Amino acid sequence: MHGPLSEIGLIEVLQLLERGKRSGVLRVSRSDVDPPCLLRITDGAIVAVEPDAGDEATRRALIDRHVITSTDARDDAEVLRRPRARAMRTRLAHRAITAMLHWHRGRFDFQETAPADGALSISTDDLVFALVAAETRRVELAPVLDEFHVVPAFVPADQLAAGAVPALVPLDWRILDRVDGVRDLSELAAALDEPLEEVAERIQSLCAATILELRPARSNPLLAARMALEARRYEEAARLLRDRLAAHPHDAESWRALGLAEIGAGRFEDAIDAWRSWQQDEPDRRDEATALMQAARTMMEALRDARD
């Protein structure tokens, strides 16, 4: 079974393999991603994801999160069989596959083989449920945390001394090590390489323990531009987005929003230019950008015909 991801998504491929209880190796590749990802399938279940959730990736993730030491990774032959290592491998696999579920280009190639053992056992339903659960948590947390742009900072020393001593989990210690009163919540999650919703929940817990406090979000031109767009203040939105892009020329989301602002202002050619830049900076959404550019051209032609 082979094909381009532009015609059939990875989730559909995995569902077909699961329903048919197929066994083999599914190779998922994209020209700008190297190496390709190999999903080993046994009776329809994913039993290995390489290299993203392979032995080396799992060891590195455990060391980075201070779950094990480099010495443990080198000398303990059983370290990857322990529950926390198995949980970490599953998390890495889910993250890798979830990212590929959003690919709209690239291809998949499935080669049938005999059933094989693996350290994982993930069904397609497991993936879908985990994806929906994570997205639900993000949607619930986003408005409370100003779309994750609030800035965590340590409370003043006198307040810290007054708080009860909480029981901290390993992620809490890593968060506290990174908090600087400058980076917002989304930037901290990226620096920690952890799911945004998990970091958000732990930061809320640290605030409840009077260790951290949340400060207002820094000025966010993209957020302000979105609000201007929603209010149909297209010139204001375009100005904010051009200023943003002058400092961050490869911000794909700003290029996308600028195209919408230019359309609203009646500048179709400028909108097409913005979406062309968006397409270059975010090739995974090439089809969406192409559709918007075609719509802008159609609108231009209709306007010309009306004038004629």
Protein backbone atom coordinates (compact mmCIF):
# COMPACT_ATOMS: atom_id res chain seq x y z
CA MET A 1 0.00 0.00 0.00
CA HIS A 2 1.51 3.31 -1.11
CA GLY A 3 0.36 6.85 -1.77
CA PRO A 4 0.70 10.61 -1.23
CA LEU A 5 -0.50 12.12 2.05
CA SER A 6 -2.22 14.85 0.04
CA GLU A 7 -4.79 12.28 -1.10
CA ILE A 8 -5.15 10.09 1.99
CA GLY A 9 -4.22 11.20 5.48
CA LEU A 10 -2.11 9.19 7.89
CA ILE A 11 -5.05 8.61 10.23
CA GLU A 12 -7.00 6.92 7.42
CA VAL A 13 -3.98 4.76 6.58
CA LEU A 14 -3.62 3.66 10.20
CA GLN A 15 -7.34 2.91 10.44
CA LEU A 16 -7.18 0.72 7.34
CA LEU A 17 -4.20 -1.20 8.74
CA GLU A 18 -5.89 -1.62 12.10
CA ARG A 19 -9.17 -2.85 10.65
CA GLY A 20 -7.35 -5.29 8.42
CA LYS A 21 -5.11 -6.41 11.33
CA ARG A 22 -2.14 -5.99 9.01
CA SER A 23 1.49 -6.45 10.05
CA GLY A 24 4.49 -4.71 8.50
CA VAL A 25 6.46 -1.48 8.33
CA LEU A 26 4.80 1.85 7.46
CA ARG A 27 7.33 4.39 6.16
CA VAL A 28 6.15 8.02 6.40
CA SER A 29 8.36 10.55 4.62
CA ARG A 30 8.49 14.17 3.58
CA SER A 31 11.15 15.87 1.46
CA ASP A 32 12.07 18.39 4.18
CA VAL A 33 12.10 15.88 7.06
CA ASP A 34 15.02 13.53 7.48
CA PRO A 35 15.14 10.70 8.36
CA PRO A 36 11.69 9.29 7.51
CA CYS A 37 9.62 7.84 10.34
CA LEU A 38 9.13 4.08 10.49
CA LEU A 39 6.03 2.74 12.21
CA ARG A 40 6.18 -0.98 12.90
CA ILE A 41 2.70 -2.51 12.87
CA THR A 42 1.65 -5.85 14.32
CA ASP A 43 -1.93 -7.04 13.84
CA GLY A 44 -2.95 -3.42 13.24
CA ALA A 45 -1.35 -2.01 16.42
CA ILE A 46 1.72 0.26 16.41
CA VAL A 47 4.50 -1.51 18.29
CA ALA A 48 7.45 0.77 17.44
CA VAL A 49 8.05 4.32 16.17
CA GLU A 50 11.59 4.95 14.93
CA PRO A 51 13.66 7.04 15.37
CA ASP A 52 11.37 9.41 17.34
CA ALA A 53 10.47 6.86 20.01
CA GLY A 54 13.39 4.49 19.54
CA ASP A 55 15.79 3.44 22.28
CA GLU A 56 18.17 6.37 21.80
CA ALA A 57 15.37 8.97 21.71
CA THR A 58 13.82 7.48 24.84
CA ARG A 59 17.13 7.48 26.73
CA ARG A 60 17.80 11.08 25.71
CA ALA A 61 14.33 12.21 26.82
CA LEU A 62 14.72 10.48 30.20
CA ILE A 63 18.12 12.10 30.77
CA ASP A 64 16.90 15.56 29.70
CA ARG A 65 14.02 15.29 32.18
CA HIS A 66 16.34 14.06 34.98
CA VAL A 67 14.48 10.77 35.27
CA ILE A 68 17.73 8.85 34.83
CA THR A 69 21.41 9.82 34.72
CA SER A 70 23.81 9.32 31.85
CA THR A 71 25.42 6.56 33.92
CA ASP A 72 22.06 4.78 34.27
CA ALA A 73 21.53 5.02 30.52
CA ARG A 74 24.95 3.51 29.86
CA ASP A 75 25.21 0.85 32.56
CA ASP A 76 21.66 -0.28 33.37
CA ALA A 77 20.53 -2.79 30.75
CA GLU A 78 16.99 -2.82 32.19
CA VAL A 79 16.48 0.96 32.28
CA LEU A 80 14.25 1.06 29.19
CA ARG A 81 12.00 -1.69 30.56
CA ARG A 82 11.03 0.27 33.67
CA PRO A 83 7.51 1.80 33.87
CA ARG A 84 8.66 5.42 33.57
CA ALA A 85 10.73 4.59 30.50
CA ARG A 86 7.80 2.79 28.89
CA ALA A 87 5.55 5.77 29.62
CA MET A 88 8.11 8.14 28.11
CA ARG A 89 8.43 6.01 24.97
CA THR A 90 4.65 6.02 24.56
CA ARG A 91 4.55 9.80 25.00
CA LEU A 92 7.27 10.30 22.37
CA ALA A 93 5.43 8.00 19.97
CA HIS A 94 2.13 9.84 20.43
CA ARG A 95 3.84 13.19 19.87
CA ALA A 96 5.62 12.03 16.71
CA ILE A 97 2.51 10.47 15.18
CA THR A 98 0.30 13.43 16.15
CA ALA A 99 2.68 15.76 14.30
CA MET A 100 2.51 13.56 11.21
CA LEU A 101 -1.30 13.51 11.32
CA HIS A 102 -1.13 17.18 10.28
CA TRP A 103 1.08 16.54 7.25
CA HIS A 104 -0.62 17.39 3.97
CA ARG A 105 2.31 16.48 1.78
CA GLY A 106 4.81 13.66 1.70
CA ARG A 107 3.97 10.01 1.23
CA PHE A 108 3.41 6.70 2.97
CA ASP A 109 4.69 3.26 1.96
CA PHE A 110 3.55 0.09 3.71
CA GLN A 111 5.44 -3.17 3.33
CA GLU A 112 3.87 -6.34 4.66
CA THR A 113 6.01 -8.43 7.02
CA ALA A 114 5.51 -11.12 9.62
CA PRO A 115 4.20 -9.90 13.02
CA ALA A 116 6.98 -8.61 15.27
CA ASP A 117 7.31 -7.68 18.94
CA GLY A 118 7.80 -4.09 20.04
CA ALA A 119 7.91 -1.95 23.17
CA LEU A 120 4.65 -0.18 22.28
CA SER A 121 1.04 -1.18 21.76
CA ILE A 122 -0.89 1.79 20.38
CA SER A 123 -4.19 1.56 18.56
CA THR A 124 -5.54 4.21 16.20
CA ASP A 125 -8.42 4.79 18.62
CA ASP A 126 -5.85 5.47 21.38
CA LEU A 127 -4.27 8.15 19.19
CA VAL A 128 -7.56 9.83 18.35
CA PHE A 129 -8.73 9.86 21.98
CA ALA A 130 -5.39 11.30 23.17
CA LEU A 131 -5.47 13.97 20.47
CA VAL A 132 -9.04 15.00 21.33
CA ALA A 133 -8.28 15.02 25.07
CA ALA A 134 -5.21 17.23 24.63
CA GLU A 135 -7.06 19.64 22.37
CA THR A 136 -9.98 19.83 24.81
CA ARG A 137 -7.61 20.69 27.66
CA ARG A 138 -6.00 23.42 25.57
CA VAL A 139 -9.35 24.93 24.63
CA GLU A 140 -10.41 25.00 28.30
CA LEU A 141 -7.14 26.53 29.52
CA ALA A 142 -6.56 29.09 26.75
CA PRO A 143 -9.09 31.77 27.82
CA VAL A 144 -8.05 31.50 31.47
CA LEU A 145 -4.38 32.01 30.57
CA ASP A 146 -4.78 34.72 27.90
CA GLU A 147 -4.17 32.26 25.07
CA PHE A 148 -1.03 31.06 26.96
CA HIS A 149 0.63 34.49 26.71
CA VAL A 150 0.66 35.17 30.48
CA VAL A 151 4.16 35.44 31.94
CA PRO A 152 4.95 33.20 34.96
CA ALA A 153 7.22 34.81 37.57
CA PHE A 154 8.28 34.05 41.15
CA VAL A 155 6.21 35.67 43.87
CA PRO A 156 7.97 38.18 46.18
CA ALA A 157 10.17 36.54 48.81
CA ASP A 158 7.89 37.43 51.74
CA GLN A 159 4.93 35.72 50.06
CA LEU A 160 7.03 32.70 49.11
CA ALA A 161 8.07 32.20 52.73
CA ALA A 162 4.44 32.33 53.84
CA GLY A 163 3.25 29.60 51.48
CA ALA A 164 2.89 25.95 52.47
CA VAL A 165 5.58 23.57 51.23
CA PRO A 166 4.02 21.71 48.27
CA ALA A 167 4.86 18.27 46.89
CA LEU A 168 6.60 18.99 43.59
CA VAL A 169 6.74 16.61 40.63
CA PRO A 170 9.81 16.50 38.31
CA LEU A 171 8.16 18.75 35.71
CA ASP A 172 7.61 21.40 38.42
CA TRP A 173 11.34 21.56 39.13
CA ARG A 174 12.12 21.90 35.43
CA ILE A 175 9.56 24.69 35.09
CA LEU A 176 10.98 26.54 38.10
CA ASP A 177 14.46 26.24 36.63
CA ARG A 178 13.28 27.96 33.42
CA VAL A 179 10.99 30.68 34.80
CA ASP A 180 12.60 34.08 34.29
CA GLY A 181 9.69 36.52 34.41
CA VAL A 182 10.24 37.30 30.71
CA ARG A 183 9.12 34.29 28.69
CA ASP A 184 5.41 33.64 28.43
CA LEU A 185 3.77 30.29 29.09
CA SER A 186 3.87 29.12 25.48
CA GLU A 187 7.59 29.96 25.21
CA LEU A 188 8.33 28.03 28.41
CA ALA A 189 6.52 24.96 27.10
CA ALA A 190 8.55 25.13 23.88
CA ALA A 191 11.82 25.52 25.82
CA LEU A 192 10.92 22.52 27.98
CA ASP A 193 9.80 20.48 24.96
CA GLU A 194 6.65 19.48 26.83
CA PRO A 195 2.94 19.61 25.85
CA LEU A 196 1.53 23.10 26.32
CA GLU A 197 -1.49 21.93 28.29
CA GLU A 198 0.64 19.96 30.77
CA VAL A 199 2.96 22.90 31.44
CA ALA A 200 -0.07 25.18 31.84
CA GLU A 201 -1.65 22.88 34.43
CA ARG A 202 1.57 22.56 36.42
CA ILE A 203 2.05 26.33 36.41
CA GLN A 204 -1.48 26.76 37.73
CA SER A 205 -0.58 24.34 40.53
CA LEU A 206 2.59 26.29 41.35
CA CYS A 207 0.55 29.50 41.48
CA ALA A 208 -1.92 27.85 43.88
CA ALA A 209 1.08 26.90 46.07
CA THR A 210 2.19 30.59 46.16
CA ILE A 211 5.44 29.87 44.36
CA LEU A 212 4.63 31.52 41.05
CA GLU A 213 2.34 34.31 39.96
CA LEU A 214 1.02 35.16 36.51
CA ARG A 215 1.74 38.57 35.08
CA PRO A 216 -0.17 40.17 32.20
CA ALA A 217 0.82 39.17 28.69
CA ARG A 218 3.37 41.29 26.89
CA SER A 219 2.22 43.35 23.96
CA ASN A 220 1.28 40.84 21.28
CA PRO A 221 0.92 42.39 17.80
CA LEU A 222 -0.46 39.18 16.29
CA LEU A 223 -3.17 38.92 18.94
CA ALA A 224 -4.01 42.62 18.52
CA ALA A 225 -4.16 42.16 14.73
CA ARG A 226 -6.56 39.23 15.10
CA MET A 227 -8.83 41.36 17.26
CA ALA A 228 -8.70 44.15 14.66
CA LEU A 229 -9.58 41.63 11.94
CA GLU A 230 -12.57 40.36 13.92
CA ALA A 231 -13.73 43.99 14.31
CA ARG A 232 -13.20 44.55 10.55
CA ARG A 233 -10.55 47.19 11.18
CA TYR A 234 -8.54 45.94 8.23
CA GLU A 235 -6.11 48.86 7.85
CA GLU A 236 -5.17 48.65 11.53
CA ALA A 237 -4.71 44.89 11.28
CA ALA A 238 -2.53 45.22 8.17
CA ARG A 239 -0.34 47.86 9.86
CA LEU A 240 0.16 45.72 12.98
CA LEU A 241 1.01 42.67 10.89
CA ARG A 242 3.48 44.51 8.65
CA ASP A 243 5.26 45.78 11.79
CA ARG A 244 5.31 42.23 13.15
CA LEU A 245 6.72 40.83 9.90
CA ALA A 246 9.41 43.51 9.73
CA ALA A 247 10.84 42.00 12.93
CA HIS A 248 9.84 38.37 12.24
CA PRO A 249 9.85 37.87 8.46
CA HIS A 250 9.22 34.11 8.66
CA ASP A 251 6.19 34.20 10.95
CA ALA A 252 3.84 32.08 8.85
CA GLU A 253 0.71 32.89 10.86
CA SER A 254 1.30 36.65 10.43
CA TRP A 255 1.57 36.20 6.65
CA ARG A 256 -1.71 34.27 6.66
CA ALA A 257 -3.47 36.94 8.71
CA LEU A 258 -1.98 39.74 6.59
CA GLY A 259 -3.56 38.18 3.51
CA LEU A 260 -6.96 38.32 5.22
CA ALA A 261 -6.40 41.96 6.21
CA GLU A 262 -5.39 42.90 2.67
CA ILE A 263 -8.48 41.18 1.26
CA GLY A 264 -10.64 43.09 3.71
CA ALA A 265 -8.98 46.34 2.60
CA GLY A 266 -9.60 45.44 -1.04
CA ARG A 267 -5.94 44.90 -1.98
CA PHE A 268 -6.16 41.53 -3.71
CA GLU A 269 -2.66 41.49 -5.23
CA ASP A 270 -1.14 42.28 -1.82
CA ALA A 271 -3.20 39.48 -0.28
CA ILE A 272 -1.90 37.01 -2.87
CA ASP A 273 1.68 38.12 -2.16
CA ALA A 274 1.13 37.62 1.57
CA TRP A 275 -0.33 34.15 1.08
CA ARG A 276 2.50 33.22 -1.26
CA SER A 277 4.94 34.06 1.55
CA TRP A 278 2.78 32.07 3.95
CA GLN A 279 2.92 29.11 1.59
CA GLN A 280 6.72 29.29 1.49
CA ASP A 281 7.07 29.49 5.28
CA GLU A 282 4.45 26.82 6.06
CA PRO A 283 4.51 24.29 3.20
CA ASP A 284 2.26 21.87 5.13
CA ARG A 285 -0.62 24.27 4.42
CA ARG A 286 0.20 24.74 0.76
CA ASP A 287 -3.24 23.55 -0.39
CA GLU A 288 -5.05 25.97 1.90
CA ALA A 289 -2.86 28.89 0.75
CA THR A 290 -3.39 27.95 -2.89
CA ALA A 291 -7.16 27.88 -2.42
CA LEU A 292 -7.12 31.34 -0.82
CA MET A 293 -4.95 32.76 -3.61
CA GLN A 294 -7.32 31.32 -6.22
CA ALA A 295 -10.28 32.84 -4.38
CA ALA A 296 -8.55 36.24 -4.39
CA ARG A 297 -7.93 35.99 -8.14
CA THR A 298 -11.58 35.08 -8.72
CA MET A 299 -12.67 38.09 -6.69
CA MET A 300 -10.35 40.36 -8.70
CA GLU A 301 -11.73 39.07 -11.96
CA ALA A 302 -15.31 39.51 -10.78
CA LEU A 303 -14.55 43.07 -9.69
CA ARG A 304 -12.96 43.87 -13.07
CA ASP A 305 -15.98 42.42 -14.90
CA ALA A 306 -18.33 44.51 -12.76
CA ARG A 307 -16.34 47.65 -13.55
CA ASP A 308 -16.29 46.85 -17.27
